Amino acid sequence: MGQDPRRYVVIGGGLAGLAAAVWLAEAGKRVTLLERRARLGGRTHAMRADAVHDIPDNGQHVIASGYHHLFRYLETIGTRDFVAYPHRATLRWPDGRSVTMSTTGPAAIRTFLGLHPDASIADRLRAARATLRLGWQCLRQPADLADLTTEQWFQRVGMPATAREALWDWLALGIAAEPVQRESAKIFADVMATGLRLGLRHRIPVTIGYPTVDLDTLYVTGALRLFERRGVEVRYRTVARRITIRDGAVTGVTLADGSELPADAVVCAVPNSHIAGLLDDLPEHGEIYAAADKLGHTPIVSTNLYLDRPLGTAHAFEALIGGTGVIDEVFDRQRMHARRTDHAWLYCLTTSGAYDQIHKPNEEIVAEQMALLRRYYPAARAAKVVAAQVVKMPRATFSQVVGTHGLRPDQRTSVPGLVLAGDWTATDWSATMESAVQSAARAVELLLELPSVA
């Protein structure tokens, strides 16, 4: 059998597109990757902070231990060892109290039974009962779960306020990037069910880790090396306008300059905000476009704060709980990356569901974040900002609110040579890196099932 003569085109150089191109190339296919920007990585990439001679990220990533497909991608490109799992984090309250949260071993039981300093024995018993109900309903989901917010679901299972404040509300926010008052309970339940099944069936303890290198090194650099070895053509600043389909088969991709790039198979790996127009030749394009529009967008604001002194964090990851209006996470990049502090100490703050922040000036956001840190860390009261970067992502993920269940399209389309990928397509996870890579794995699987050609 000779080499596959088909021309495979991947549209979009985000994580889904990168993974699809990597695995198609690994399978010996002739691949061209189209990226509209001058860099790969999509919504995840490293930046530069020249004033402090540093390479921060456009947003801090956390990586769950159950991210099977993401680990497969990292292993393929040779960067799997750049993920660490500390198994502990800190929860802080504005009055100076803090507790250590454990995610593995016997200490993890206490995390789920209520870590709040004010939790009474009765609260902990109610939390235990509510957590068991929650877990059971994740695996055996009530019929009306898609019609509930996560907050309504927590109330229904009887989750006490102390347990919600110390764990469940910010965990739900981290999973779906939406406040519990807006987030779909179905989205949260599906992710929790995936985690439970991994733990029960495959004995994978569910814990949270983080990269020990910048995001370009983690996700992109190894892929570029593989592309060079495998002969993958990467076209930067190339905008695809339409995937051409004739007689039920893909024939090419029309580009913004009017030229046609021949193609026999296409992975369309663009965000839901960029899908319009690309699928006009696909019979079911109207249904996919409508779903993309209804899924909408959720904003995330990330702030890289370079301070003239350390904050006094106890762990690499700390959650700021209570009284903030928006729950923030603080990431200590010194602990995470063994970063030198010759010029400043770097702390990365993430605000998910940042509907209020997204429209504010950068200076106002920095001032708000410093005010927040001063409430929680005594050392921050005298700290000065050496440099700051505010990264606003108004379309960071698709919106995972009530009413969005069932909208995410499958990777398979009615045209065998055209598949979809991206975190907004149907997967076992919410809008995560794992969701993006899992969609790519499924898309590639479908293309590799195509009948061979002479």
Protein backbone atom coordinates (compact mmCIF):
# COMPACT_ATOMS: atom_id res chain seq x y z
CA MET A 1 0.00 0.00 0.00
CA GLY A 2 1.44 3.39 -1.02
CA GLN A 3 1.30 6.67 0.80
CA ASP A 4 -2.14 8.22 1.24
CA PRO A 5 -2.42 10.75 -1.62
CA ARG A 6 -5.11 12.78 0.13
CA ARG A 7 -4.41 16.36 1.18
CA TYR A 8 -5.44 17.05 4.76
CA VAL A 9 -6.09 20.66 5.80
CA VAL A 10 -6.55 21.77 9.40
CA ILE A 11 -8.18 25.18 9.84
CA GLY A 12 -7.18 26.83 13.12
CA GLY A 13 -3.93 26.68 15.07
CA GLY A 14 -5.40 26.61 18.56
CA LEU A 15 -5.00 23.54 20.74
CA ALA A 16 -7.64 21.51 18.88
CA GLY A 17 -6.05 22.29 15.52
CA LEU A 18 -2.55 21.63 16.82
CA ALA A 19 -3.54 18.23 18.21
CA ALA A 20 -5.37 17.28 15.01
CA ALA A 21 -2.38 18.26 12.86
CA VAL A 22 0.05 16.43 15.15
CA TRP A 23 -1.91 13.18 15.13
CA LEU A 24 -2.63 13.26 11.39
CA ALA A 25 1.07 13.86 10.72
CA GLU A 26 1.97 11.07 13.13
CA ALA A 27 -0.31 8.80 11.07
CA GLY A 28 1.73 9.65 7.97
CA LYS A 29 -0.75 12.05 6.36
CA ARG A 30 0.14 15.08 4.24
CA VAL A 31 -1.03 18.02 6.38
CA THR A 32 -1.37 21.78 5.91
CA LEU A 33 -2.26 23.87 8.96
CA LEU A 34 -3.89 27.26 8.43
CA GLU A 35 -3.67 29.92 11.15
CA ARG A 36 -5.07 33.43 10.78
CA ARG A 37 -2.60 34.92 13.27
CA ALA A 38 1.19 35.08 13.21
CA ARG A 39 1.50 32.46 15.96
CA LEU A 40 0.03 29.15 17.02
CA GLY A 41 -1.72 28.36 20.29
CA GLY A 42 -5.00 30.20 19.76
CA ARG A 43 -6.34 31.46 23.07
CA THR A 44 -3.39 30.03 24.99
CA HIS A 45 0.06 31.46 24.52
CA ALA A 46 3.11 32.99 26.20
CA MET A 47 3.73 36.74 26.23
CA ARG A 48 6.67 39.03 26.89
CA ALA A 49 7.20 41.41 29.77
CA ASP A 50 10.32 43.30 28.69
CA ALA A 51 10.36 45.62 31.72
CA VAL A 52 11.07 42.65 34.00
CA HIS A 53 12.75 40.35 31.45
CA ASP A 54 10.07 37.70 31.78
CA ILE A 55 7.82 35.44 29.71
CA PRO A 56 4.40 35.23 31.37
CA ASP A 57 1.28 33.62 29.90
CA ASN A 58 -1.93 35.17 28.64
CA GLY A 59 -3.76 33.23 31.32
CA GLN A 60 -2.89 30.69 33.98
CA HIS A 61 -3.73 27.07 33.14
CA VAL A 62 -4.65 24.29 35.52
CA ILE A 63 -4.66 20.67 34.37
CA ALA A 64 -6.82 17.98 35.94
CA SER A 65 -5.33 14.52 36.41
CA GLY A 66 -8.13 13.07 34.28
CA TYR A 67 -7.12 14.96 31.13
CA HIS A 68 -6.31 11.74 29.27
CA HIS A 69 -6.30 13.19 25.75
CA LEU A 70 -4.27 16.23 26.74
CA PHE A 71 -1.62 13.98 28.27
CA ARG A 72 -1.54 11.95 25.07
CA TYR A 73 -0.92 15.15 23.10
CA LEU A 74 1.83 16.29 25.48
CA GLU A 75 3.47 12.87 25.29
CA THR A 76 3.37 12.99 21.49
CA ILE A 77 5.18 16.34 21.38
CA GLY A 78 7.51 15.49 24.28
CA THR A 79 6.35 17.89 27.02
CA ARG A 80 4.39 15.63 29.38
CA ASP A 81 6.99 16.08 32.14
CA PHE A 82 6.28 19.81 32.33
CA VAL A 83 3.12 19.31 34.43
CA ALA A 84 3.32 19.12 38.24
CA TYR A 85 0.74 17.95 40.78
CA PRO A 86 1.24 19.50 44.23
CA HIS A 87 -1.91 17.90 45.77
CA ARG A 88 -2.39 20.89 48.08
CA ALA A 89 -3.69 24.42 47.78
CA THR A 90 -4.68 27.22 50.15
CA LEU A 91 -8.07 28.82 50.73
CA ARG A 92 -7.90 32.32 52.20
CA TRP A 93 -10.49 34.53 53.83
CA PRO A 94 -10.22 38.34 54.05
CA ASP A 95 -9.96 38.27 57.84
CA GLY A 96 -6.60 36.49 57.63
CA ARG A 97 -7.80 32.95 58.19
CA SER A 98 -6.66 30.21 55.82
CA VAL A 99 -6.96 26.46 55.42
CA THR A 100 -5.02 23.91 53.38
CA MET A 101 -7.02 21.98 50.83
CA SER A 102 -5.83 18.46 49.93
CA THR A 103 -6.96 16.75 46.74
CA THR A 104 -5.61 13.23 47.26
CA GLY A 105 -5.42 10.69 50.06
CA PRO A 106 -7.50 10.60 53.26
CA ALA A 107 -7.12 14.37 53.72
CA ALA A 108 -9.18 14.87 50.55
CA ILE A 109 -12.25 13.58 52.40
CA ARG A 110 -12.10 16.60 54.67
CA THR A 111 -12.01 18.85 51.60
CA PHE A 112 -15.37 17.52 50.46
CA LEU A 113 -16.90 17.48 53.94
CA GLY A 114 -16.29 21.15 54.59
CA LEU A 115 -13.08 23.10 55.04
CA HIS A 116 -14.71 26.34 56.15
CA PRO A 117 -13.31 27.57 59.48
CA ASP A 118 -16.85 28.36 60.62
CA ALA A 119 -18.30 24.98 59.65
CA SER A 120 -19.99 23.30 62.60
CA ILE A 121 -20.26 19.54 63.08
CA ALA A 122 -23.83 19.80 61.79
CA ASP A 123 -22.58 21.69 58.72
CA ARG A 124 -20.03 18.96 58.02
CA LEU A 125 -22.67 16.23 58.35
CA ARG A 126 -24.98 18.12 55.99
CA ALA A 127 -22.07 18.62 53.58
CA ALA A 128 -21.32 14.89 53.64
CA ARG A 129 -24.94 14.02 52.93
CA ALA A 130 -25.22 16.67 50.18
CA THR A 131 -21.95 15.57 48.57
CA LEU A 132 -23.17 11.97 48.38
CA ARG A 133 -26.42 13.16 46.81
CA LEU A 134 -24.48 15.33 44.38
CA GLY A 135 -22.23 12.46 43.34
CA TRP A 136 -25.16 10.09 42.90
CA GLN A 137 -27.08 12.62 40.82
CA CYS A 138 -24.01 13.23 38.64
CA LEU A 139 -24.02 9.56 37.70
CA ARG A 140 -27.82 9.16 37.68
CA GLN A 141 -28.88 12.59 36.50
CA PRO A 142 -32.38 13.93 37.22
CA ALA A 143 -34.38 14.66 34.07
CA ASP A 144 -34.68 18.38 34.84
CA LEU A 145 -30.97 19.01 35.54
CA ALA A 146 -30.49 20.88 32.24
CA ASP A 147 -33.14 23.37 33.38
CA LEU A 148 -31.42 24.20 36.67
CA THR A 149 -28.58 26.53 37.54
CA THR A 150 -25.78 25.00 39.57
CA GLU A 151 -26.87 27.15 42.52
CA GLN A 152 -30.41 25.73 42.35
CA TRP A 153 -28.97 22.22 42.26
CA PHE A 154 -26.76 22.89 45.28
CA GLN A 155 -29.80 24.19 47.14
CA ARG A 156 -31.85 21.16 46.18
CA VAL A 157 -29.31 18.64 47.49
CA GLY A 158 -28.97 20.66 50.69
CA MET A 159 -25.37 21.80 50.33
CA PRO A 160 -24.70 24.10 53.33
CA ALA A 161 -23.45 27.64 52.78
CA THR A 162 -20.10 26.96 54.46
CA ALA A 163 -19.32 24.05 52.11
CA ARG A 164 -20.38 26.08 49.10
CA GLU A 165 -18.17 28.99 50.07
CA ALA A 166 -15.13 26.85 50.89
CA LEU A 167 -15.33 24.54 47.86
CA TRP A 168 -18.32 24.06 45.64
CA ASP A 169 -19.06 27.57 44.32
CA TRP A 170 -15.50 28.31 43.23
CA LEU A 171 -15.01 24.74 41.93
CA ALA A 172 -18.07 25.17 39.73
CA LEU A 173 -16.83 28.57 38.58
CA GLY A 174 -13.48 27.07 37.65
CA ILE A 175 -15.08 24.22 35.71
CA ALA A 176 -17.44 26.27 33.56
CA ALA A 177 -16.16 29.88 33.93
CA GLU A 178 -19.65 31.01 34.94
CA PRO A 179 -21.00 32.03 38.36
CA VAL A 180 -23.24 29.38 39.90
CA GLN A 181 -26.21 31.71 39.50
CA ARG A 182 -25.83 31.43 35.69
CA GLU A 183 -24.02 28.16 35.13
CA SER A 184 -25.89 25.13 33.83
CA ALA A 185 -26.11 22.37 36.44
CA LYS A 186 -26.00 19.86 33.59
CA ILE A 187 -22.57 21.11 32.45
CA PHE A 188 -21.18 20.85 35.98
CA ALA A 189 -22.74 17.42 36.53
CA ASP A 190 -21.34 16.02 33.28
CA VAL A 191 -17.80 17.09 34.18
CA MET A 192 -18.12 15.73 37.71
CA ALA A 193 -19.49 12.46 36.33
CA THR A 194 -16.49 12.14 34.02
CA GLY A 195 -14.16 12.67 36.97
CA LEU A 196 -16.02 10.14 39.11
CA ARG A 197 -15.92 7.49 36.38
CA LEU A 198 -12.20 8.01 35.89
CA GLY A 199 -11.68 7.59 39.61
CA LEU A 200 -13.96 4.58 40.03
CA ARG A 201 -13.18 2.64 36.85
CA HIS A 202 -9.59 3.55 36.13
CA ARG A 203 -8.46 4.46 39.66
CA ILE A 204 -7.17 7.83 38.54
CA PRO A 205 -7.21 10.17 41.56
CA VAL A 206 -8.77 13.46 40.51
CA THR A 207 -6.45 16.29 41.40
CA ILE A 208 -5.30 19.59 39.91
CA GLY A 209 -1.87 20.38 38.50
CA TYR A 210 -0.22 23.18 36.58
CA PRO A 211 2.48 23.73 33.92
CA THR A 212 6.02 24.31 35.14
CA VAL A 213 6.93 26.11 31.89
CA ASP A 214 5.33 28.83 29.77
CA LEU A 215 2.39 27.84 27.57
CA ASP A 216 4.30 28.09 24.29
CA THR A 217 6.88 25.62 25.58
CA LEU A 218 4.14 23.31 26.87
CA TYR A 219 1.79 23.30 23.88
CA VAL A 220 3.49 24.73 20.78
CA THR A 221 7.27 24.29 20.65
CA GLY A 222 7.19 20.49 20.62
CA ALA A 223 4.45 20.51 17.97
CA LEU A 224 6.58 22.71 15.72
CA ARG A 225 9.47 20.27 16.06
CA LEU A 226 7.18 17.40 15.08
CA PHE A 227 5.83 19.40 12.12
CA GLU A 228 9.35 19.93 10.86
CA ARG A 229 10.15 16.22 11.13
CA ARG A 230 6.88 15.15 9.51
CA GLY A 231 6.76 17.78 6.76
CA VAL A 232 3.65 19.62 7.99
CA GLU A 233 3.18 22.94 6.21
CA VAL A 234 2.10 25.76 8.53
CA ARG A 235 0.64 28.84 6.85
CA TYR A 236 0.46 31.84 9.16
CA ARG A 237 -1.74 34.89 8.57
CA THR A 238 -3.94 32.77 6.34
CA VAL A 239 -7.69 33.23 6.69
CA ALA A 240 -10.04 30.51 5.49
CA ARG A 241 -13.39 31.74 4.21
CA ARG A 242 -15.18 28.64 2.99
CA ILE A 243 -14.74 24.89 2.81
CA THR A 244 -15.61 23.84 -0.73
CA ILE A 245 -17.81 20.77 -1.10
CA ARG A 246 -18.84 19.31 -4.45
CA ASP A 247 -20.95 16.19 -4.96
CA GLY A 248 -20.77 15.34 -1.28
CA ALA A 249 -16.98 15.52 -1.05
CA VAL A 250 -14.48 18.12 0.17
CA THR A 251 -12.47 19.62 -2.69
CA GLY A 252 -10.70 22.58 -1.12
CA VAL A 253 -10.65 25.63 1.10
CA THR A 254 -11.32 29.12 -0.25
CA LEU A 255 -9.00 31.69 1.32
CA ALA A 256 -9.56 35.38 2.06
CA ASP A 257 -7.42 36.40 -0.92
CA GLY A 258 -9.75 34.49 -3.25
CA SER A 259 -7.37 31.61 -3.90
CA GLU A 260 -8.37 27.98 -3.50
CA LEU A 261 -6.27 25.55 -1.47
CA PRO A 262 -6.94 21.99 -2.71
CA ALA A 263 -8.05 19.60 0.04
CA ASP A 264 -9.50 16.11 0.24
CA ALA A 265 -10.18 16.19 3.99
CA VAL A 266 -10.60 19.11 6.39
CA VAL A 267 -10.57 19.50 10.16
CA CYS A 268 -12.44 22.73 10.95
CA ALA A 269 -10.96 23.62 14.35
CA VAL A 270 -12.09 27.20 14.89
CA PRO A 271 -14.00 28.66 17.88
CA ASN A 272 -17.77 28.96 17.67
CA SER A 273 -17.32 32.72 17.20
CA HIS A 274 -15.46 32.14 13.89
CA ILE A 275 -17.44 29.31 12.30
CA ALA A 276 -19.88 31.45 10.27
CA GLY A 277 -19.33 31.18 6.51
CA LEU A 278 -16.89 28.29 6.60
CA LEU A 279 -19.56 25.60 6.36
CA ASP A 280 -21.92 27.22 3.84
CA ASP A 281 -21.58 24.23 1.46
CA LEU A 282 -22.43 21.74 4.21
CA PRO A 283 -26.12 20.70 4.14
CA GLU A 284 -26.57 21.08 7.90
CA HIS A 285 -24.65 24.37 8.18
CA GLY A 286 -27.69 26.31 9.40
CA GLU A 287 -28.11 24.05 12.42
CA ILE A 288 -24.41 24.30 13.33
CA TYR A 289 -24.34 28.09 12.91
CA ALA A 290 -27.46 28.44 15.11
CA ALA A 291 -25.85 26.33 17.82
CA ALA A 292 -22.64 28.36 17.63
CA ASP A 293 -24.62 31.58 18.07
CA LYS A 294 -26.72 30.25 20.95
CA LEU A 295 -23.66 29.01 22.82
CA GLY A 296 -22.43 32.60 23.04
CA HIS A 297 -19.31 33.65 24.95
CA THR A 298 -17.96 33.95 28.47
CA PRO A 299 -15.32 36.59 29.37
CA ILE A 300 -12.21 35.88 31.43
CA VAL A 301 -9.74 38.49 32.66
CA SER A 302 -6.20 37.48 33.63
CA THR A 303 -3.80 39.84 35.36
CA ASN A 304 -0.06 39.37 35.63
CA LEU A 305 1.15 41.43 38.60
CA TYR A 306 4.87 41.97 39.11
CA LEU A 307 5.47 43.10 42.70
CA ASP A 308 8.54 44.37 44.49
CA ARG A 309 8.18 41.79 47.28
CA PRO A 310 6.65 38.35 47.91
CA LEU A 311 3.05 38.01 49.10
CA GLY A 312 3.76 35.20 51.53
CA THR A 313 1.76 32.50 49.79
CA ALA A 314 1.79 29.03 51.33
CA HIS A 315 1.18 27.10 48.11
CA ALA A 316 1.49 27.58 44.35
CA PHE A 317 -2.29 27.95 44.03
CA GLU A 318 -4.49 29.91 46.42
CA ALA A 319 -8.19 30.74 46.24
CA LEU A 320 -9.54 33.96 47.72
CA ILE A 321 -12.85 33.21 49.35
CA GLY A 322 -15.68 35.36 50.57
CA GLY A 323 -16.65 38.99 50.27
CA THR A 324 -15.03 39.68 46.90
CA GLY A 325 -18.06 39.58 44.63
CA VAL A 326 -15.93 37.67 42.14
CA ILE A 327 -13.89 34.73 43.37
CA ASP A 328 -10.28 35.02 42.30
CA GLU A 329 -7.40 32.59 42.18
CA VAL A 330 -3.82 33.64 42.85
CA PHE A 331 -0.98 31.66 41.27
CA ASP A 332 2.55 32.03 42.61
CA ARG A 333 4.79 31.70 39.56
CA GLN A 334 7.92 31.52 41.70
CA ARG A 335 6.72 28.25 43.20
CA MET A 336 5.32 26.95 39.91
CA HIS A 337 8.25 27.71 37.61
CA ALA A 338 11.15 28.05 40.05
CA ARG A 339 11.21 31.60 38.71
CA ARG A 340 14.04 33.96 39.65
CA THR A 341 13.09 37.16 41.48
CA ASP A 342 15.93 39.42 40.39
CA HIS A 343 13.47 41.92 38.89
CA ALA A 344 10.13 41.21 40.63
CA TRP A 345 7.78 38.58 42.01
CA LEU A 346 5.08 37.46 39.56
CA TYR A 347 1.55 36.62 40.68
CA CYS A 348 -1.13 35.63 38.16
CA LEU A 349 -4.74 36.39 39.02
CA THR A 350 -7.67 34.90 37.14
CA THR A 351 -11.25 36.15 37.16
CA SER A 352 -13.70 33.80 35.44
CA GLY A 353 -17.11 35.03 34.32
CA ALA A 354 -15.63 38.54 34.37
CA TYR A 355 -18.71 40.32 33.04
CA ASP A 356 -18.04 43.44 35.12
CA GLN A 357 -14.27 43.61 34.69
CA ILE A 358 -14.09 43.03 30.95
CA HIS A 359 -15.18 46.59 30.09
CA LYS A 360 -13.03 48.41 32.65
CA PRO A 361 -9.74 50.20 31.83
CA ASN A 362 -6.61 48.18 32.55
CA GLU A 363 -5.46 50.65 35.21
CA GLU A 364 -8.73 50.24 37.09
CA ILE A 365 -8.46 46.46 36.97
CA VAL A 366 -4.90 46.54 38.33
CA ALA A 367 -6.00 48.87 41.14
CA GLU A 368 -8.91 46.55 41.99
CA GLN A 369 -6.71 43.49 42.02
CA MET A 370 -4.12 45.15 44.27
CA ALA A 371 -6.87 46.24 46.63
CA LEU A 372 -8.08 42.65 46.68
CA LEU A 373 -4.62 41.28 47.47
CA ARG A 374 -4.18 43.78 50.31
CA ARG A 375 -7.32 42.40 51.95
CA TYR A 376 -5.89 38.89 52.01
CA TYR A 377 -2.12 39.27 52.26
CA PRO A 378 -0.57 41.62 54.85
CA ALA A 379 2.65 41.77 52.78
CA ALA A 380 0.70 43.27 49.88
CA ARG A 381 -0.18 46.40 51.86
CA ALA A 382 3.28 47.87 51.33
CA ALA A 383 3.91 46.23 47.95
CA LYS A 384 4.48 48.28 44.83
CA VAL A 385 3.58 47.22 41.30
CA VAL A 386 6.75 47.02 39.21
CA ALA A 387 4.88 46.02 36.05
CA ALA A 388 1.42 44.73 35.17
CA GLN A 389 -0.30 43.08 32.23
CA VAL A 390 -4.06 42.78 31.89
CA VAL A 391 -5.29 40.18 29.39
CA LYS A 392 -8.95 40.61 28.49
CA MET A 393 -10.58 37.68 26.72
CA PRO A 394 -14.19 38.66 26.00
CA ARG A 395 -14.71 35.39 24.11
CA ALA A 396 -12.56 33.13 26.25
CA THR A 397 -14.92 30.14 26.11
CA PHE A 398 -18.39 29.34 24.90
CA SER A 399 -21.03 30.21 27.47
CA GLN A 400 -22.09 27.29 29.64
CA VAL A 401 -25.31 28.64 31.06
CA VAL A 402 -28.77 27.14 31.43
CA GLY A 403 -30.21 26.31 28.02
CA THR A 404 -26.96 25.35 26.32
CA HIS A 405 -27.14 21.60 26.95
CA GLY A 406 -27.49 19.65 23.74
CA LEU A 407 -26.32 22.51 21.50
CA ARG A 408 -22.71 21.39 21.03
CA PRO A 409 -22.38 19.74 17.59
CA ASP A 410 -20.74 16.38 17.02
CA GLN A 411 -17.34 16.18 15.31
CA ARG A 412 -18.87 14.09 12.52
CA THR A 413 -20.69 15.90 9.70
CA SER A 414 -22.75 14.58 6.79
CA VAL A 415 -19.66 14.89 4.56
CA PRO A 416 -17.16 12.14 5.51
CA GLY A 417 -14.09 14.22 4.68
CA LEU A 418 -15.17 17.20 6.84
CA VAL A 419 -14.97 17.04 10.62
CA LEU A 420 -15.29 19.64 13.38
CA ALA A 421 -13.03 20.16 16.38
CA GLY A 422 -12.82 22.62 19.24
CA ASP A 423 -13.80 22.79 22.90
CA TRP A 424 -17.31 23.92 21.88
CA THR A 425 -18.06 20.66 20.07
CA ALA A 426 -19.56 17.70 21.93
CA THR A 427 -17.14 16.13 24.44
CA ASP A 428 -17.12 14.74 27.97
CA TRP A 429 -15.77 18.00 29.39
CA SER A 430 -16.68 21.66 29.67
CA ALA A 431 -14.68 24.35 27.83
CA THR A 432 -11.23 23.09 28.79
CA MET A 433 -7.95 22.19 27.12
CA GLU A 434 -8.99 18.56 27.53
CA SER A 435 -12.24 19.22 25.68
CA ALA A 436 -10.34 20.82 22.78
CA VAL A 437 -7.89 17.92 22.50
CA GLN A 438 -10.55 15.25 22.98
CA SER A 439 -12.50 16.76 20.07
CA ALA A 440 -9.34 16.63 17.95
CA ALA A 441 -8.80 12.97 18.83
CA ARG A 442 -12.34 12.15 17.72
CA ALA A 443 -12.01 14.22 14.53
CA VAL A 444 -8.75 12.49 13.57
CA GLU A 445 -10.26 9.10 14.36
CA LEU A 446 -13.10 9.82 11.91
CA LEU A 447 -10.70 10.84 9.14
CA LEU A 448 -8.49 7.81 9.67
CA GLU A 449 -11.57 5.64 9.17
CA LEU A 450 -12.01 6.97 5.61
CA PRO A 451 -11.69 4.24 2.94
CA SER A 452 -8.23 4.07 1.40
CA VAL A 453 -7.73 5.47 -2.07
CA ALA A 454 -5.34 4.46 -4.80
